[in-house]
Amino acid sequence: MNGQFFRGFFVLSVFGTLEQMKTKRIFPKKLKNGDHIRVISPATTLAIIPEDMQQTATSRWQKMGFSISFSEHAAEQNQFRSSSVASRVADLHDAFADPSVDGILTTLGGYNSNQILHHLDYDLIKSNPKVLCGFSDITALSNAIFAKTGVVTYSGPHYSTLGMVKGADYTMQQFQQCAMQSDPYPIEQAETWSDDMWFRNQEDRIFIKNEGYLLINEGHAEGVILGGNLSTFPLLHGTPFMPSLKDAILLIEDDDEAHLAAFDRLLQSIMHQPDFDQVRGIVIGHFQKGSQVEEPALIETIKNKPELDHIPVIARASFGHTTPQFTFPIGGTGRLVAENGKVIFEILEH
């Protein structure tokens, strides 16, 4: 087989695989002004969100053009600051089944949304695709729904995220871009970012100038967007809820519980998954300061993994547990171009 034919065969095979994956996807109807959004608590209960923060959040979502309602058990609370599996499953099913509900927001992250995965009616979800948005622990739920149904979900703000008084404009604009519009668009970095405990002090905020993307490995990639929180995504490994990594662009981030060694082994765990050799690129979100992940050490960590040498890898992206954050479609399509010291990351289908 000559080299030219082999390269052509390889390109055709990869293109065919990506196109086959695309045909299995179901994009929910875009949200619009006047739509009704239901708030559910698949992990942490609404009860821990202070009333004034709830009022701010509701007002913000209403100013974006939505009416807000809360699921029956959203504020139910047990010793784990969550609610029973039965309550959480019932609320999620009701949100998807209710024809008056146009979109679904999660209250907050936590530790236990993976408890409900075996109990969900995926046929119900597939028959009633709706925008579902949240991040952190919701990574397990969002990726599982995409894996089981082909319904595209969204990693982005929780309902409570907009309880933030200052510094939420970028988050809101990016949510509207991804969940309310259809055209391809580039992810422009936020001008500033913050890692302060805004939920404890809304007035004395610290905003840091954003230096833009950190380019670690150069290259070009186009693929299906997967991932989210790096400590949560591996909970799906070896289960029926793990999406295929073929032709994927992985977006990963973590909170201040994940120091560099934890990040390293969690990433390595993903790299041991079937089809990781067909991952096309990696985008890493801002690290919280408490993680003490310094960029030179991060670069060395990535460079120490020869499996990543052939794909583009960038970091310092505006998503995850720092604020503000962009929204991205789990199951959507993205394009990453990282070369000559410049980075372009685009959302193509969402």
Protein backbone atom coordinates (compact mmCIF):
# COMPACT_ATOMS: atom_id res chain seq x y z
CA MET A 1 0.00 0.00 0.00
CA ASN A 2 1.63 3.29 -1.02
CA GLY A 3 1.84 6.22 1.38
CA GLN A 4 -0.62 8.44 -0.49
CA PHE A 5 -3.27 5.72 -0.59
CA PHE A 6 -2.71 4.90 3.09
CA ARG A 7 -3.13 8.55 4.13
CA GLY A 8 -6.29 8.81 2.06
CA PHE A 9 -7.65 5.59 3.57
CA PHE A 10 -6.87 6.87 7.10
CA VAL A 11 -8.59 10.21 6.53
CA LEU A 12 -11.64 8.49 5.03
CA SER A 13 -11.83 6.06 7.97
CA VAL A 14 -11.61 8.80 10.62
CA PHE A 15 -14.07 11.02 8.76
CA GLY A 16 -16.46 8.11 8.42
CA THR A 17 -16.26 7.33 12.14
CA LEU A 18 -16.95 10.95 13.09
CA GLU A 19 -19.86 11.18 10.67
CA GLN A 20 -21.34 7.95 12.04
CA MET A 21 -21.14 9.35 15.57
CA LYS A 22 -22.79 12.57 14.44
CA THR A 23 -25.78 10.75 12.97
CA LYS A 24 -26.61 9.21 16.36
CA ARG A 25 -26.89 12.54 18.15
CA ILE A 26 -30.11 14.30 19.12
CA PHE A 27 -29.89 18.06 19.64
CA PRO A 28 -32.59 19.42 21.95
CA LYS A 29 -34.65 22.38 20.83
CA LYS A 30 -32.90 25.68 21.51
CA LEU A 31 -34.19 27.75 24.39
CA LYS A 32 -35.88 31.05 23.59
CA ASN A 33 -37.30 34.06 25.33
CA GLY A 34 -40.38 33.13 27.35
CA ASP A 35 -39.39 29.47 27.86
CA HIS A 36 -40.01 27.63 31.11
CA ILE A 37 -36.98 26.20 32.95
CA ARG A 38 -37.31 23.62 35.71
CA VAL A 39 -34.69 23.49 38.50
CA ILE A 40 -33.85 20.01 39.78
CA SER A 41 -31.36 18.75 42.39
CA PRO A 42 -29.70 15.54 41.12
CA ALA A 43 -26.92 15.98 43.70
CA THR A 44 -26.89 18.73 46.35
CA THR A 45 -30.21 20.02 47.67
CA LEU A 46 -31.61 23.48 46.97
CA ALA A 47 -32.06 23.84 50.73
CA ILE A 48 -28.41 24.83 51.27
CA ILE A 49 -28.66 27.82 48.90
CA PRO A 50 -29.39 30.97 50.96
CA GLU A 51 -32.70 32.65 50.21
CA ASP A 52 -31.12 35.90 49.06
CA MET A 53 -28.88 34.01 46.64
CA GLN A 54 -31.91 32.13 45.30
CA GLN A 55 -33.69 35.43 44.74
CA THR A 56 -30.70 36.83 42.85
CA ALA A 57 -30.39 33.69 40.75
CA THR A 58 -34.09 33.57 39.88
CA SER A 59 -34.05 37.26 38.97
CA ARG A 60 -31.03 36.76 36.71
CA TRP A 61 -32.59 33.82 34.85
CA GLN A 62 -35.83 35.79 34.51
CA LYS A 63 -33.93 38.74 33.04
CA MET A 64 -32.57 36.33 30.43
CA GLY A 65 -36.17 35.73 29.42
CA PHE A 66 -37.07 32.54 31.29
CA SER A 67 -39.73 31.58 33.79
CA ILE A 68 -38.40 29.43 36.63
CA SER A 69 -40.04 26.62 38.57
CA PHE A 70 -38.64 24.13 41.07
CA SER A 71 -39.10 20.38 41.15
CA GLU A 72 -41.20 18.86 43.92
CA HIS A 73 -38.22 17.49 45.83
CA ALA A 74 -35.59 20.13 44.90
CA ALA A 75 -35.25 21.30 48.53
CA GLU A 76 -35.61 17.90 50.17
CA GLN A 77 -32.61 17.25 52.40
CA ASN A 78 -31.04 14.21 54.06
CA GLN A 79 -27.84 13.75 56.06
CA PHE A 80 -25.79 13.93 52.84
CA ARG A 81 -27.16 17.38 51.88
CA SER A 82 -29.02 15.63 49.08
CA SER A 83 -32.29 13.68 48.83
CA SER A 84 -33.37 10.10 48.23
CA VAL A 85 -32.66 8.38 44.94
CA ALA A 86 -36.39 7.99 44.38
CA SER A 87 -37.00 11.72 44.82
CA ARG A 88 -34.19 12.77 42.51
CA VAL A 89 -35.23 10.29 39.81
CA ALA A 90 -38.88 11.35 40.04
CA ASP A 91 -37.97 15.02 39.67
CA LEU A 92 -35.75 14.40 36.65
CA HIS A 93 -38.36 12.21 34.95
CA ASP A 94 -41.07 14.76 35.63
CA ALA A 95 -38.95 17.57 34.15
CA PHE A 96 -38.40 15.64 30.92
CA ALA A 97 -41.99 14.37 30.70
CA ASP A 98 -43.73 17.67 31.45
CA PRO A 99 -44.60 19.30 28.10
CA SER A 100 -44.65 22.75 29.73
CA VAL A 101 -40.95 22.47 30.64
CA ASP A 102 -38.54 23.66 27.92
CA GLY A 103 -35.20 23.36 29.72
CA ILE A 104 -33.68 21.96 32.90
CA LEU A 105 -31.07 23.46 35.25
CA THR A 106 -29.37 21.69 38.12
CA THR A 107 -29.22 23.35 41.52
CA LEU A 108 -25.57 22.62 42.30
CA GLY A 109 -22.95 19.90 42.01
CA GLY A 110 -21.92 17.62 44.87
CA TYR A 111 -20.84 13.99 45.02
CA ASN A 112 -23.69 11.64 44.21
CA SER A 113 -25.48 12.26 40.92
CA ASN A 114 -24.04 8.95 39.70
CA GLN A 115 -26.33 7.19 42.23
CA ILE A 116 -29.35 7.76 40.00
CA LEU A 117 -27.92 6.56 36.67
CA HIS A 118 -29.19 2.96 36.89
CA HIS A 119 -32.68 4.17 37.77
CA LEU A 120 -33.32 6.57 34.89
CA ASP A 121 -35.77 5.96 32.07
CA TYR A 122 -33.51 6.72 29.12
CA ASP A 123 -36.28 6.06 26.61
CA LEU A 124 -38.30 8.83 28.27
CA ILE A 125 -35.36 11.20 28.04
CA LYS A 126 -34.64 10.29 24.42
CA SER A 127 -38.29 10.82 23.49
CA ASN A 128 -38.37 14.26 25.16
CA PRO A 129 -34.96 15.86 24.52
CA LYS A 130 -34.48 19.13 26.40
CA VAL A 131 -31.58 21.38 27.30
CA LEU A 132 -30.07 20.05 30.53
CA CYS A 133 -27.32 22.22 32.00
CA GLY A 134 -24.99 21.95 35.01
CA PHE A 135 -21.37 21.14 35.79
CA SER A 136 -19.05 19.60 38.38
CA ASP A 137 -20.71 16.41 39.73
CA ILE A 138 -23.39 16.76 37.03
CA THR A 139 -20.65 15.61 34.62
CA ALA A 140 -21.67 12.02 35.44
CA LEU A 141 -25.32 12.65 34.58
CA SER A 142 -24.68 14.69 31.44
CA ASN A 143 -22.23 12.27 29.86
CA ALA A 144 -24.34 9.25 30.83
CA ILE A 145 -27.43 10.71 29.17
CA PHE A 146 -25.47 11.38 26.00
CA ALA A 147 -23.95 7.88 26.05
CA LYS A 148 -27.30 6.13 26.58
CA THR A 149 -29.54 8.26 24.37
CA GLY A 150 -27.48 10.39 21.99
CA VAL A 151 -29.18 13.48 23.45
CA VAL A 152 -26.72 16.37 23.63
CA THR A 153 -26.44 17.89 27.11
CA TYR A 154 -24.68 21.03 28.33
CA SER A 155 -21.86 21.69 30.78
CA GLY A 156 -22.38 25.18 32.08
CA PRO A 157 -23.89 27.19 34.92
CA HIS A 158 -26.10 25.70 37.59
CA TYR A 159 -29.25 27.58 38.60
CA SER A 160 -27.34 28.79 41.68
CA THR A 161 -24.37 30.05 39.64
CA LEU A 162 -26.34 33.16 38.76
CA GLY A 163 -26.75 33.92 42.44
CA MET A 164 -23.43 35.71 41.86
CA VAL A 165 -24.00 39.47 42.01
CA LYS A 166 -20.78 40.53 40.25
CA GLY A 167 -18.83 38.92 37.43
CA ALA A 168 -21.58 36.79 35.86
CA ASP A 169 -22.00 38.64 32.55
CA TYR A 170 -19.63 36.37 30.59
CA THR A 171 -21.28 33.25 32.01
CA MET A 172 -24.72 34.50 30.97
CA GLN A 173 -23.58 35.55 27.49
CA GLN A 174 -21.89 32.21 26.87
CA PHE A 175 -24.96 30.27 28.05
CA GLN A 176 -27.14 32.23 25.65
CA GLN A 177 -24.66 31.64 22.82
CA CYS A 178 -24.61 27.88 23.33
CA ALA A 179 -28.15 27.07 24.51
CA MET A 180 -30.20 29.71 22.65
CA GLN A 181 -28.45 30.14 19.29
CA SER A 182 -27.47 27.72 16.52
CA ASP A 183 -24.58 29.27 14.58
CA PRO A 184 -20.95 28.14 15.04
CA TYR A 185 -18.89 30.50 17.18
CA PRO A 186 -15.40 30.85 18.67
CA ILE A 187 -14.94 30.65 22.43
CA GLU A 188 -13.49 34.01 23.35
CA GLN A 189 -11.73 33.99 26.70
CA ALA A 190 -13.20 36.06 29.53
CA GLU A 191 -11.27 39.27 30.17
CA THR A 192 -10.86 38.41 33.85
CA TRP A 193 -11.36 35.39 36.08
CA SER A 194 -11.90 34.83 39.77
CA ASP A 195 -11.34 32.11 42.32
CA ASP A 196 -12.70 33.87 45.38
CA MET A 197 -15.49 32.56 47.62
CA TRP A 198 -18.09 34.86 46.10
CA PHE A 199 -20.92 32.97 47.81
CA ARG A 200 -19.55 34.10 51.18
CA ASN A 201 -18.74 37.68 50.24
CA GLN A 202 -20.53 39.19 47.25
CA GLU A 203 -18.94 42.61 47.57
CA ASP A 204 -15.18 42.17 48.06
CA ARG A 205 -14.44 40.25 44.87
CA ILE A 206 -10.98 39.66 43.39
CA PHE A 207 -10.77 39.60 39.58
CA ILE A 208 -7.56 38.55 37.82
CA LYS A 209 -6.59 39.55 34.30
CA ASN A 210 -6.94 36.60 31.94
CA GLU A 211 -3.73 35.85 30.07
CA GLY A 212 -5.49 33.81 27.39
CA TYR A 213 -5.06 30.17 26.48
CA LEU A 214 -1.92 28.29 27.46
CA LEU A 215 -0.67 26.33 24.45
CA ILE A 216 1.02 23.07 25.55
CA ASN A 217 0.93 20.87 22.42
CA GLU A 218 0.33 22.21 18.93
CA GLY A 219 -2.02 20.63 16.41
CA HIS A 220 -5.43 20.67 14.75
CA ALA A 221 -8.51 18.78 15.93
CA GLU A 222 -12.19 18.46 15.11
CA GLY A 223 -14.38 16.11 17.06
CA VAL A 224 -17.23 15.38 19.42
CA ILE A 225 -16.98 17.29 22.70
CA LEU A 226 -17.01 15.18 25.89
CA GLY A 227 -15.89 15.50 29.48
CA GLY A 228 -16.31 18.03 32.25
CA ASN A 229 -15.10 17.58 35.80
CA LEU A 230 -12.01 15.36 35.88
CA SER A 231 -12.74 13.83 39.29
CA THR A 232 -16.25 12.88 38.18
CA PHE A 233 -15.81 11.70 34.59
CA PRO A 234 -13.80 8.57 35.58
CA LEU A 235 -16.73 7.40 37.74
CA LEU A 236 -18.25 6.27 34.42
CA HIS A 237 -15.28 4.10 33.45
CA GLY A 238 -16.23 0.48 32.91
CA THR A 239 -19.96 1.22 33.05
CA PRO A 240 -22.68 1.36 30.36
CA PHE A 241 -22.77 5.12 30.97
CA MET A 242 -19.32 5.88 29.59
CA PRO A 243 -19.42 7.53 26.15
CA SER A 244 -17.04 6.36 23.44
CA LEU A 245 -13.86 8.43 23.20
CA LYS A 246 -13.55 7.92 19.45
CA ASP A 247 -12.94 11.23 17.68
CA ALA A 248 -13.41 13.19 20.90
CA ILE A 249 -12.17 16.58 22.00
CA LEU A 250 -11.96 16.26 25.78
CA LEU A 251 -12.72 19.25 27.99
CA ILE A 252 -11.53 18.63 31.54
CA GLU A 253 -11.25 20.70 34.71
CA ASP A 254 -11.13 20.16 38.45
CA ASP A 255 -11.63 21.93 41.74
CA ASP A 256 -9.18 22.66 44.53
CA GLU A 257 -9.48 19.11 45.89
CA ALA A 258 -7.37 17.90 42.94
CA HIS A 259 -3.68 18.74 43.32
CA LEU A 260 -1.21 18.01 40.53
CA ALA A 261 -0.63 14.35 41.43
CA ALA A 262 -4.40 13.75 41.53
CA PHE A 263 -4.84 15.50 38.19
CA ASP A 264 -2.03 13.38 36.73
CA ARG A 265 -3.47 10.02 37.76
CA LEU A 266 -7.05 10.94 36.88
CA LEU A 267 -5.95 11.99 33.41
CA GLN A 268 -3.92 8.78 33.12
CA SER A 269 -7.04 6.80 34.05
CA ILE A 270 -8.90 8.36 31.12
CA MET A 271 -5.91 7.59 28.90
CA HIS A 272 -6.29 3.89 29.78
CA GLN A 273 -9.84 3.81 28.42
CA PRO A 274 -10.69 2.03 25.17
CA ASP A 275 -10.48 4.33 22.14
CA PHE A 276 -8.39 6.98 23.91
CA ASP A 277 -5.88 6.58 21.09
CA GLN A 278 -8.54 8.19 18.90
CA VAL A 279 -9.01 11.27 21.09
CA ARG A 280 -8.24 14.29 18.93
CA GLY A 281 -7.50 17.06 21.41
CA ILE A 282 -7.68 18.19 25.05
CA VAL A 283 -8.82 21.51 26.54
CA ILE A 284 -8.04 22.08 30.24
CA GLY A 285 -9.93 24.62 32.34
CA HIS A 286 -8.53 27.11 34.85
CA PHE A 287 -7.24 25.51 38.05
CA GLN A 288 -8.37 26.85 41.37
CA LYS A 289 -5.53 28.35 43.39
CA GLY A 290 -6.11 25.86 46.19
CA SER A 291 -5.03 23.03 43.90
CA GLN A 292 -1.55 24.58 43.79
CA VAL A 293 -1.12 23.44 40.19
CA GLU A 294 1.59 25.66 38.72
CA GLU A 295 1.74 25.95 34.95
CA PRO A 296 5.36 24.81 34.50
CA ALA A 297 4.52 21.62 36.39
CA LEU A 298 1.33 21.17 34.37
CA ILE A 299 3.27 21.50 31.13
CA GLU A 300 5.83 18.96 32.35
CA THR A 301 3.03 16.57 33.32
CA ILE A 302 1.52 16.72 29.83
CA LYS A 303 4.90 16.51 28.10
CA ASN A 304 5.70 13.41 30.17
CA LYS A 305 2.85 11.54 28.46
CA PRO A 306 4.03 10.41 25.01
CA GLU A 307 0.48 9.32 24.16
CA LEU A 308 -0.42 13.03 23.95
CA ASP A 309 2.45 14.11 21.70
CA HIS A 310 0.39 13.93 18.51
CA ILE A 311 -2.66 15.90 19.65
CA PRO A 312 -3.22 19.56 20.55
CA VAL A 313 -3.45 20.29 24.28
CA ILE A 314 -4.31 23.70 25.70
CA ALA A 315 -5.04 24.96 29.20
CA ARG A 316 -6.24 28.04 31.07
CA ALA A 317 -9.69 27.86 29.43
CA SER A 318 -12.61 29.78 30.97
CA PHE A 319 -14.71 26.93 32.35
CA GLY A 320 -15.03 24.84 35.47
CA HIS A 321 -14.82 25.78 39.14
CA THR A 322 -13.39 29.25 38.59
CA THR A 323 -15.62 32.04 37.36
CA PRO A 324 -16.86 33.09 34.91
CA GLN A 325 -17.39 30.07 32.69
CA PHE A 326 -18.44 29.23 29.16
CA THR A 327 -21.07 26.61 28.34
CA PHE A 328 -20.19 23.71 26.06
CA PRO A 329 -22.27 20.93 24.49
CA ILE A 330 -21.52 17.38 25.60
CA GLY A 331 -22.02 15.54 22.33
CA GLY A 332 -21.66 18.68 20.22
CA THR A 333 -18.82 19.28 17.79
CA GLY A 334 -15.79 21.47 18.31
CA ARG A 335 -12.66 22.53 16.44
CA LEU A 336 -9.31 23.25 18.06
CA VAL A 337 -6.42 24.92 16.22
CA ALA A 338 -3.25 25.44 18.25
CA GLU A 339 -0.18 26.56 16.34
CA ASN A 340 2.46 29.28 16.14
CA GLY A 341 1.67 30.38 19.66
CA LYS A 342 -2.01 31.02 18.85
CA VAL A 343 -5.16 29.13 19.81
CA ILE A 344 -8.62 29.07 18.25
CA PHE A 345 -11.29 26.96 19.91
CA GLU A 346 -14.68 26.90 18.17
CA ILE A 347 -18.05 25.34 18.91
CA LEU A 348 -19.39 24.10 15.58
CA GLU A 349 -22.55 22.18 16.48
CA HIS A 350 -24.41 22.74 19.73
